[in-house]
């Protein structure tokens, strides 16, 4: 599964020296997607990393943004993002202050950021009473999102972070750059650089699979730093 995620190859092109028929790997991949296996692994690992970093397992602050990705002809439900002038899908994502993913939704690119936010906020708010602030950009300053927060009596608030006007150079927005970094990490996997899947449930599973590997790497870095600190 991870080999295909990294290389973006077709299922039938999985190396035969793995010793496992491609159809077997495909069936397990489908099974994991239906059961949300990678998503559960990601949440468990993210909580461990937060604890190892001296934080509460559940975040009180999350950062939201979306990424529009071009789709291949084989892709399923797609749409046109007028803002990005791109036909494809949109990944609505919530990450914490470490850049760890806590919710992902995949929709057609024509779905607005505010409507996509409702999907991921519903996921993130479940079993997380600590959530108090969600940072967002101007694209989320929409009536339908505020109506949703009011209707559900959400115990958190959405804070719009405006870009700093500095001529001639790029200025990363405080904390919001973490979600942008995450999107760049997704594109490092060839399968996620474009949208090839025919179903959003498979797309979400692929994203969480990639997130698991990123979270494991962060956990290993924290362990290495802790070992160096003890040695010193």
C-alpha atoms as a PDB file:
ATOM      1  CA  UNK A   1       0.000   0.000   0.000  1.00  0.00           C
ATOM      2  CA  UNK A   2       2.764   2.411   0.951  1.00  0.00           C
ATOM      3  CA  UNK A   3       4.739   1.585  -2.185  1.00  0.00           C
ATOM      4  CA  UNK A   4       1.790   2.543  -4.376  1.00  0.00           C
ATOM      5  CA  UNK A   5       1.184   5.667  -2.287  1.00  0.00           C
ATOM      6  CA  UNK A   6       4.760   6.837  -2.817  1.00  0.00           C
ATOM      7  CA  UNK A   7       5.157   5.883  -6.481  1.00  0.00           C
ATOM      8  CA  UNK A   8       1.601   6.358  -7.750  1.00  0.00           C
ATOM      9  CA  UNK A   9       1.746   3.150  -9.794  1.00  0.00           C
ATOM     10  CA  UNK A  10      -1.304   1.149 -10.894  1.00  0.00           C
ATOM     11  CA  UNK A  11      -2.355  -1.779  -8.732  1.00  0.00           C
ATOM     12  CA  UNK A  12      -1.338  -4.343 -11.343  1.00  0.00           C
ATOM     13  CA  UNK A  13       2.147  -2.823 -11.471  1.00  0.00           C
ATOM     14  CA  UNK A  14       3.027  -3.605  -7.848  1.00  0.00           C
ATOM     15  CA  UNK A  15       6.399  -5.441  -7.854  1.00  0.00           C
ATOM     16  CA  UNK A  16       5.976  -9.207  -7.976  1.00  0.00           C
ATOM     17  CA  UNK A  17       8.988  -9.676  -5.679  1.00  0.00           C
ATOM     18  CA  UNK A  18       6.798  -8.491  -2.791  1.00  0.00           C
ATOM     19  CA  UNK A  19       5.436 -12.034  -2.918  1.00  0.00           C
ATOM     20  CA  UNK A  20       1.808 -10.890  -2.508  1.00  0.00           C
ATOM     21  CA  UNK A  21      -0.701 -10.798  -5.404  1.00  0.00           C
ATOM     22  CA  UNK A  22      -1.751  -7.241  -6.247  1.00  0.00           C
ATOM     23  CA  UNK A  23      -5.394  -8.229  -5.845  1.00  0.00           C
ATOM     24  CA  UNK A  24      -4.776  -9.214  -2.216  1.00  0.00           C
ATOM     25  CA  UNK A  25      -3.192  -5.840  -1.462  1.00  0.00           C
ATOM     26  CA  UNK A  26      -6.064  -4.100  -3.262  1.00  0.00           C
ATOM     27  CA  UNK A  27      -8.669  -5.978  -1.199  1.00  0.00           C
ATOM     28  CA  UNK A  28      -6.941  -5.067   2.069  1.00  0.00           C
ATOM     29  CA  UNK A  29      -6.703  -1.457   0.899  1.00  0.00           C
ATOM     30  CA  UNK A  30     -10.461  -1.409   0.271  1.00  0.00           C
ATOM     31  CA  UNK A  31     -11.112  -3.052   3.628  1.00  0.00           C
ATOM     32  CA  UNK A  32      -8.987  -0.492   5.482  1.00  0.00           C
ATOM     33  CA  UNK A  33     -10.783   2.362   3.703  1.00  0.00           C
ATOM     34  CA  UNK A  34     -14.263   1.086   4.575  1.00  0.00           C
ATOM     35  CA  UNK A  35     -13.335   0.553   8.221  1.00  0.00           C
ATOM     36  CA  UNK A  36     -11.436   3.816   8.613  1.00  0.00           C
ATOM     37  CA  UNK A  37      -8.373   1.879   9.768  1.00  0.00           C
ATOM     38  CA  UNK A  38      -5.737   4.421   8.725  1.00  0.00           C
ATOM     39  CA  UNK A  39      -7.788   7.242  10.248  1.00  0.00           C
ATOM     40  CA  UNK A  40      -7.965   5.495  13.627  1.00  0.00           C
ATOM     41  CA  UNK A  41      -4.228   4.771  13.532  1.00  0.00           C
ATOM     42  CA  UNK A  42      -3.530   8.425  12.725  1.00  0.00           C
ATOM     43  CA  UNK A  43      -5.627   9.701  15.636  1.00  0.00           C
ATOM     44  CA  UNK A  44      -3.979   7.287  18.084  1.00  0.00           C
ATOM     45  CA  UNK A  45      -0.474   8.235  16.927  1.00  0.00           C
ATOM     46  CA  UNK A  46      -1.251  11.960  16.941  1.00  0.00           C
ATOM     47  CA  UNK A  47      -2.342  11.763  20.568  1.00  0.00           C
ATOM     48  CA  UNK A  48       0.877   9.911  21.460  1.00  0.00           C
ATOM     49  CA  UNK A  49       3.004  12.542  19.739  1.00  0.00           C
ATOM     50  CA  UNK A  50       1.198  15.350  21.548  1.00  0.00           C
ATOM     51  CA  UNK A  51       1.744  13.642  24.904  1.00  0.00           C
ATOM     52  CA  UNK A  52       5.426  13.062  24.077  1.00  0.00           C
ATOM     53  CA  UNK A  53       5.690  16.793  23.334  1.00  0.00           C
ATOM     54  CA  UNK A  54       4.210  17.635  26.742  1.00  0.00           C
ATOM     55  CA  UNK A  55       0.733  18.498  25.473  1.00  0.00           C
ATOM     56  CA  UNK A  56      -2.792  17.289  26.135  1.00  0.00           C
ATOM     57  CA  UNK A  57      -3.814  14.376  23.849  1.00  0.00           C
ATOM     58  CA  UNK A  58      -6.669  16.460  22.431  1.00  0.00           C
ATOM     59  CA  UNK A  59      -5.912  19.888  20.897  1.00  0.00           C
ATOM     60  CA  UNK A  60      -7.647  23.077  21.978  1.00  0.00           C
ATOM     61  CA  UNK A  61      -6.563  24.868  18.778  1.00  0.00           C
ATOM     62  CA  UNK A  62      -6.887  23.646  15.198  1.00  0.00           C
ATOM     63  CA  UNK A  63      -6.027  25.246  11.855  1.00  0.00           C
ATOM     64  CA  UNK A  64      -8.269  24.781   8.822  1.00  0.00           C
ATOM     65  CA  UNK A  65      -7.604  25.165   5.116  1.00  0.00           C
ATOM     66  CA  UNK A  66      -8.325  23.438   1.806  1.00  0.00           C
ATOM     67  CA  UNK A  67      -6.185  22.173  -1.056  1.00  0.00           C
ATOM     68  CA  UNK A  68      -7.483  21.919  -4.615  1.00  0.00           C
ATOM     69  CA  UNK A  69      -5.908  19.124  -6.644  1.00  0.00           C
ATOM     70  CA  UNK A  70      -6.212  18.420 -10.358  1.00  0.00           C
ATOM     71  CA  UNK A  71      -7.969  15.168 -11.214  1.00  0.00           C
ATOM     72  CA  UNK A  72      -7.163  12.490 -13.754  1.00  0.00           C
ATOM     73  CA  UNK A  73      -9.760  11.225 -16.205  1.00  0.00           C
ATOM     74  CA  UNK A  74     -10.255   8.137 -14.062  1.00  0.00           C
ATOM     75  CA  UNK A  75     -11.237  10.185 -10.999  1.00  0.00           C
ATOM     76  CA  UNK A  76     -14.790  10.059  -9.683  1.00  0.00           C
ATOM     77  CA  UNK A  77     -16.740  13.075  -8.437  1.00  0.00           C
ATOM     78  CA  UNK A  78     -14.938  16.245  -9.487  1.00  0.00           C
ATOM     79  CA  UNK A  79     -15.787  19.909  -9.944  1.00  0.00           C
ATOM     80  CA  UNK A  80     -14.328  23.257 -10.945  1.00  0.00           C
ATOM     81  CA  UNK A  81     -12.715  25.589  -8.420  1.00  0.00           C
ATOM     82  CA  UNK A  82     -13.213  29.072  -9.872  1.00  0.00           C
ATOM     83  CA  UNK A  83     -10.765  30.651  -7.455  1.00  0.00           C
ATOM     84  CA  UNK A  84      -7.913  28.277  -8.318  1.00  0.00           C
ATOM     85  CA  UNK A  85      -9.143  27.784 -11.908  1.00  0.00           C
ATOM     86  CA  UNK A  86      -8.690  24.059 -11.442  1.00  0.00           C
ATOM     87  CA  UNK A  87     -10.905  21.066 -12.208  1.00  0.00           C
ATOM     88  CA  UNK A  88     -10.574  18.322  -9.647  1.00  0.00           C
ATOM     89  CA  UNK A  89     -11.185  17.690  -5.981  1.00  0.00           C
ATOM     90  CA  UNK A  90     -10.711  19.654  -2.782  1.00  0.00           C
ATOM     91  CA  UNK A  91      -9.181  18.406   0.466  1.00  0.00           C
ATOM     92  CA  UNK A  92     -10.628  20.144   3.522  1.00  0.00           C
ATOM     93  CA  UNK A  93      -8.202  19.657   6.400  1.00  0.00           C
ATOM     94  CA  UNK A  94      -7.802  20.420  10.105  1.00  0.00           C
ATOM     95  CA  UNK A  95      -4.369  20.219  11.742  1.00  0.00           C
ATOM     96  CA  UNK A  96      -3.188  21.053  15.250  1.00  0.00           C
ATOM     97  CA  UNK A  97      -0.376  23.370  16.324  1.00  0.00           C
ATOM     98  CA  UNK A  98       2.181  20.630  15.585  1.00  0.00           C
ATOM     99  CA  UNK A  99       0.864  20.087  12.077  1.00  0.00           C
ATOM    100  CA  UNK A 100      -0.793  16.760  12.975  1.00  0.00           C
ATOM    101  CA  UNK A 101      -4.006  15.945  11.112  1.00  0.00           C
ATOM    102  CA  UNK A 102      -7.235  15.571  13.059  1.00  0.00           C
ATOM    103  CA  UNK A 103      -9.870  15.675  10.302  1.00  0.00           C
ATOM    104  CA  UNK A 104      -9.996  15.405   6.504  1.00  0.00           C
ATOM    105  CA  UNK A 105     -12.888  15.583   4.036  1.00  0.00           C
ATOM    106  CA  UNK A 106     -12.628  15.127   0.261  1.00  0.00           C
ATOM    107  CA  UNK A 107     -15.192  16.825  -1.984  1.00  0.00           C
ATOM    108  CA  UNK A 108     -15.544  18.080  -5.525  1.00  0.00           C
ATOM    109  CA  UNK A 109     -13.470  21.222  -6.098  1.00  0.00           C
ATOM    110  CA  UNK A 110     -16.646  23.298  -6.592  1.00  0.00           C
ATOM    111  CA  UNK A 111     -17.611  22.876  -2.910  1.00  0.00           C
ATOM    112  CA  UNK A 112     -16.908  26.102  -1.018  1.00  0.00           C
ATOM    113  CA  UNK A 113     -14.426  26.270   1.841  1.00  0.00           C
ATOM    114  CA  UNK A 114     -17.226  27.154   4.260  1.00  0.00           C
ATOM    115  CA  UNK A 115     -19.320  24.120   3.291  1.00  0.00           C
ATOM    116  CA  UNK A 116     -16.270  21.872   3.496  1.00  0.00           C
ATOM    117  CA  UNK A 117     -15.461  23.325   6.906  1.00  0.00           C
ATOM    118  CA  UNK A 118     -18.769  22.069   8.252  1.00  0.00           C
ATOM    119  CA  UNK A 119     -17.782  18.510   7.310  1.00  0.00           C
ATOM    120  CA  UNK A 120     -14.401  18.523   9.052  1.00  0.00           C
ATOM    121  CA  UNK A 121     -15.607  20.496  12.075  1.00  0.00           C
ATOM    122  CA  UNK A 122     -18.250  17.861  12.683  1.00  0.00           C
ATOM    123  CA  UNK A 123     -15.515  15.205  12.677  1.00  0.00           C
ATOM    124  CA  UNK A 124     -13.077  17.142  14.863  1.00  0.00           C
ATOM    125  CA  UNK A 125     -15.614  18.191  17.496  1.00  0.00           C
ATOM    126  CA  UNK A 126     -16.590  14.582  18.281  1.00  0.00           C
ATOM    127  CA  UNK A 127     -15.089  13.500  21.621  1.00  0.00           C
ATOM    128  CA  UNK A 128     -12.968  16.661  21.807  1.00  0.00           C
ATOM    129  CA  UNK A 129     -14.485  19.029  24.388  1.00  0.00           C
ATOM    130  CA  UNK A 130     -11.159  20.917  24.620  1.00  0.00           C
ATOM    131  CA  UNK A 131     -11.500  22.440  21.153  1.00  0.00           C
ATOM    132  CA  UNK A 132     -11.915  26.190  21.619  1.00  0.00           C
ATOM    133  CA  UNK A 133     -10.361  27.964  18.608  1.00  0.00           C
ATOM    134  CA  UNK A 134     -10.154  27.212  14.880  1.00  0.00           C
ATOM    135  CA  UNK A 135      -7.866  29.461  12.823  1.00  0.00           C
ATOM    136  CA  UNK A 136      -8.965  30.154   9.238  1.00  0.00           C
ATOM    137  CA  UNK A 137      -8.308  32.524   6.357  1.00  0.00           C
ATOM    138  CA  UNK A 138     -10.698  34.960   4.672  1.00  0.00           C
ATOM    139  CA  UNK A 139     -12.242  32.184   2.574  1.00  0.00           C
ATOM    140  CA  UNK A 140     -14.072  30.954   5.684  1.00  0.00           C
ATOM    141  CA  UNK A 141     -15.599  34.312   6.552  1.00  0.00           C
ATOM    142  CA  UNK A 142     -19.017  33.198   5.298  1.00  0.00           C
ATOM    143  CA  UNK A 143     -22.539  33.387   6.670  1.00  0.00           C
ATOM    144  CA  UNK A 144     -23.274  29.666   6.224  1.00  0.00           C
ATOM    145  CA  UNK A 145     -20.359  28.748   8.465  1.00  0.00           C
ATOM    146  CA  UNK A 146     -21.394  31.155  11.209  1.00  0.00           C
ATOM    147  CA  UNK A 147     -24.977  29.911  10.921  1.00  0.00           C
ATOM    148  CA  UNK A 148     -23.744  26.364  11.451  1.00  0.00           C
ATOM    149  CA  UNK A 149     -21.763  27.357  14.557  1.00  0.00           C
ATOM    150  CA  UNK A 150     -24.801  29.145  15.972  1.00  0.00           C
ATOM    151  CA  UNK A 151     -27.237  26.342  15.145  1.00  0.00           C
ATOM    152  CA  UNK A 152     -25.037  23.669  16.749  1.00  0.00           C
ATOM    153  CA  UNK A 153     -24.095  25.893  19.713  1.00  0.00           C
ATOM    154  CA  UNK A 154     -20.487  25.001  19.081  1.00  0.00           C
ATOM    155  CA  UNK A 155     -18.214  25.377  22.065  1.00  0.00           C
ATOM    156  CA  UNK A 156     -15.437  26.741  19.861  1.00  0.00           C
ATOM    157  CA  UNK A 157     -15.023  29.800  17.673  1.00  0.00           C
ATOM    158  CA  UNK A 158     -13.582  30.396  14.221  1.00  0.00           C
ATOM    159  CA  UNK A 159     -10.939  33.131  14.151  1.00  0.00           C
ATOM    160  CA  UNK A 160     -10.131  34.677  10.779  1.00  0.00           C
ATOM    161  CA  UNK A 161      -6.415  35.369  10.369  1.00  0.00           C
ATOM    162  CA  UNK A 162      -5.718  38.123   7.820  1.00  0.00           C
ATOM    163  CA  UNK A 163      -2.599  38.271   5.684  1.00  0.00           C
ATOM    164  CA  UNK A 164      -0.025  40.887   6.545  1.00  0.00           C
ATOM    165  CA  UNK A 165       0.455  43.475   3.820  1.00  0.00           C
ATOM    166  CA  UNK A 166       4.201  43.532   3.236  1.00  0.00           C
ATOM    167  CA  UNK A 167       5.341  44.620  -0.202  1.00  0.00           C
ATOM    168  CA  UNK A 168       7.851  42.529  -2.063  1.00  0.00           C
ATOM    169  CA  UNK A 169       8.010  39.458   0.166  1.00  0.00           C
ATOM    170  CA  UNK A 170       5.991  36.558   1.482  1.00  0.00           C
ATOM    171  CA  UNK A 171       5.062  36.610   5.159  1.00  0.00           C
ATOM    172  CA  UNK A 172       3.784  33.315   6.602  1.00  0.00           C
ATOM    173  CA  UNK A 173       0.691  33.694   8.753  1.00  0.00           C
ATOM    174  CA  UNK A 174       1.208  32.759  12.391  1.00  0.00           C
ATOM    175  CA  UNK A 175       0.395  29.054  12.915  1.00  0.00           C
ATOM    176  CA  UNK A 176      -1.537  28.855   9.646  1.00  0.00           C
ATOM    177  CA  UNK A 177       1.653  27.982   7.776  1.00  0.00           C
ATOM    178  CA  UNK A 178       1.471  24.564   9.454  1.00  0.00           C
ATOM    179  CA  UNK A 179      -1.445  23.448   7.305  1.00  0.00           C
ATOM    180  CA  UNK A 180       0.319  24.737   4.186  1.00  0.00           C
ATOM    181  CA  UNK A 181       3.370  22.678   5.134  1.00  0.00           C
ATOM    182  CA  UNK A 182       1.148  19.636   5.522  1.00  0.00           C
ATOM    183  CA  UNK A 183      -0.259  20.115   2.024  1.00  0.00           C
ATOM    184  CA  UNK A 184       3.272  20.229   0.607  1.00  0.00           C
ATOM    185  CA  UNK A 185       4.050  16.962   2.395  1.00  0.00           C
ATOM    186  CA  UNK A 186       1.007  15.353   0.777  1.00  0.00           C
ATOM    187  CA  UNK A 187       2.247  16.296  -2.687  1.00  0.00           C
ATOM    188  CA  UNK A 188       5.527  14.510  -1.968  1.00  0.00           C
ATOM    189  CA  UNK A 189       3.598  11.271  -2.518  1.00  0.00           C
ATOM    190  CA  UNK A 190       3.070  10.840  -6.252  1.00  0.00           C
ATOM    191  CA  UNK A 191      -0.372   9.263  -5.762  1.00  0.00           C
ATOM    192  CA  UNK A 192      -1.556  12.386  -3.921  1.00  0.00           C
ATOM    193  CA  UNK A 193      -0.030  14.917  -6.327  1.00  0.00           C
ATOM    194  CA  UNK A 194      -3.116  14.384  -8.490  1.00  0.00           C
ATOM    195  CA  UNK A 195      -6.483  12.744  -7.887  1.00  0.00           C
ATOM    196  CA  UNK A 196      -6.772   9.296  -9.438  1.00  0.00           C
ATOM    197  CA  UNK A 197      -9.277   7.555  -7.193  1.00  0.00           C
ATOM    198  CA  UNK A 198     -12.919   7.071  -8.143  1.00  0.00           C
ATOM    199  CA  UNK A 199     -14.331   7.379  -4.606  1.00  0.00           C
ATOM    200  CA  UNK A 200     -13.821   9.950  -1.891  1.00  0.00           C
ATOM    201  CA  UNK A 201     -13.626   7.271   0.814  1.00  0.00           C
ATOM    202  CA  UNK A 202     -10.518   5.848  -0.892  1.00  0.00           C
ATOM    203  CA  UNK A 203      -9.040   9.329  -1.280  1.00  0.00           C
ATOM    204  CA  UNK A 204      -9.502  10.001   2.452  1.00  0.00           C
ATOM    205  CA  UNK A 205      -7.894   6.673   3.304  1.00  0.00           C
ATOM    206  CA  UNK A 206      -4.861   7.510   1.149  1.00  0.00           C
ATOM    207  CA  UNK A 207      -4.496  10.888   2.868  1.00  0.00           C
ATOM    208  CA  UNK A 208      -4.660   9.311   6.314  1.00  0.00           C
ATOM    209  CA  UNK A 209      -2.152   6.652   5.237  1.00  0.00           C
ATOM    210  CA  UNK A 210       0.292   9.397   4.288  1.00  0.00           C
ATOM    211  CA  UNK A 211      -0.504  11.220   7.534  1.00  0.00           C
ATOM    212  CA  UNK A 212       0.365   8.109   9.548  1.00  0.00           C
ATOM    213  CA  UNK A 213       3.852   8.027   8.006  1.00  0.00           C
ATOM    214  CA  UNK A 214       4.348  11.747   8.672  1.00  0.00           C
ATOM    215  CA  UNK A 215       3.233  11.329  12.289  1.00  0.00           C
ATOM    216  CA  UNK A 216       5.568   8.381  12.819  1.00  0.00           C
ATOM    217  CA  UNK A 217       8.466  10.482  11.503  1.00  0.00           C
ATOM    218  CA  UNK A 218       7.569  13.268  13.935  1.00  0.00           C
ATOM    219  CA  UNK A 219       7.431  10.759  16.801  1.00  0.00           C
ATOM    220  CA  UNK A 220      10.881   9.443  15.897  1.00  0.00           C
ATOM    221  CA  UNK A 221      12.285  12.996  15.799  1.00  0.00           C
ATOM    222  CA  UNK A 222      10.909  13.694  19.265  1.00  0.00           C
ATOM    223  CA  UNK A 223      12.443  10.459  20.568  1.00  0.00           C
ATOM    224  CA  UNK A 224      15.810  11.375  19.042  1.00  0.00           C
ATOM    225  CA  UNK A 225      15.701  14.838  20.600  1.00  0.00           C
ATOM    226  CA  UNK A 226      14.771  13.348  23.968  1.00  0.00           C
ATOM    227  CA  UNK A 227      17.673  10.872  23.772  1.00  0.00           C
ATOM    228  CA  UNK A 228      20.111  13.661  22.929  1.00  0.00           C
ATOM    229  CA  UNK A 229      18.816  15.694  25.847  1.00  0.00           C
ATOM    230  CA  UNK A 230      19.306  12.789  28.257  1.00  0.00           C
ATOM    231  CA  UNK A 231      22.802  12.149  26.912  1.00  0.00           C
ATOM    232  CA  UNK A 232      23.723  15.789  27.419  1.00  0.00           C
END
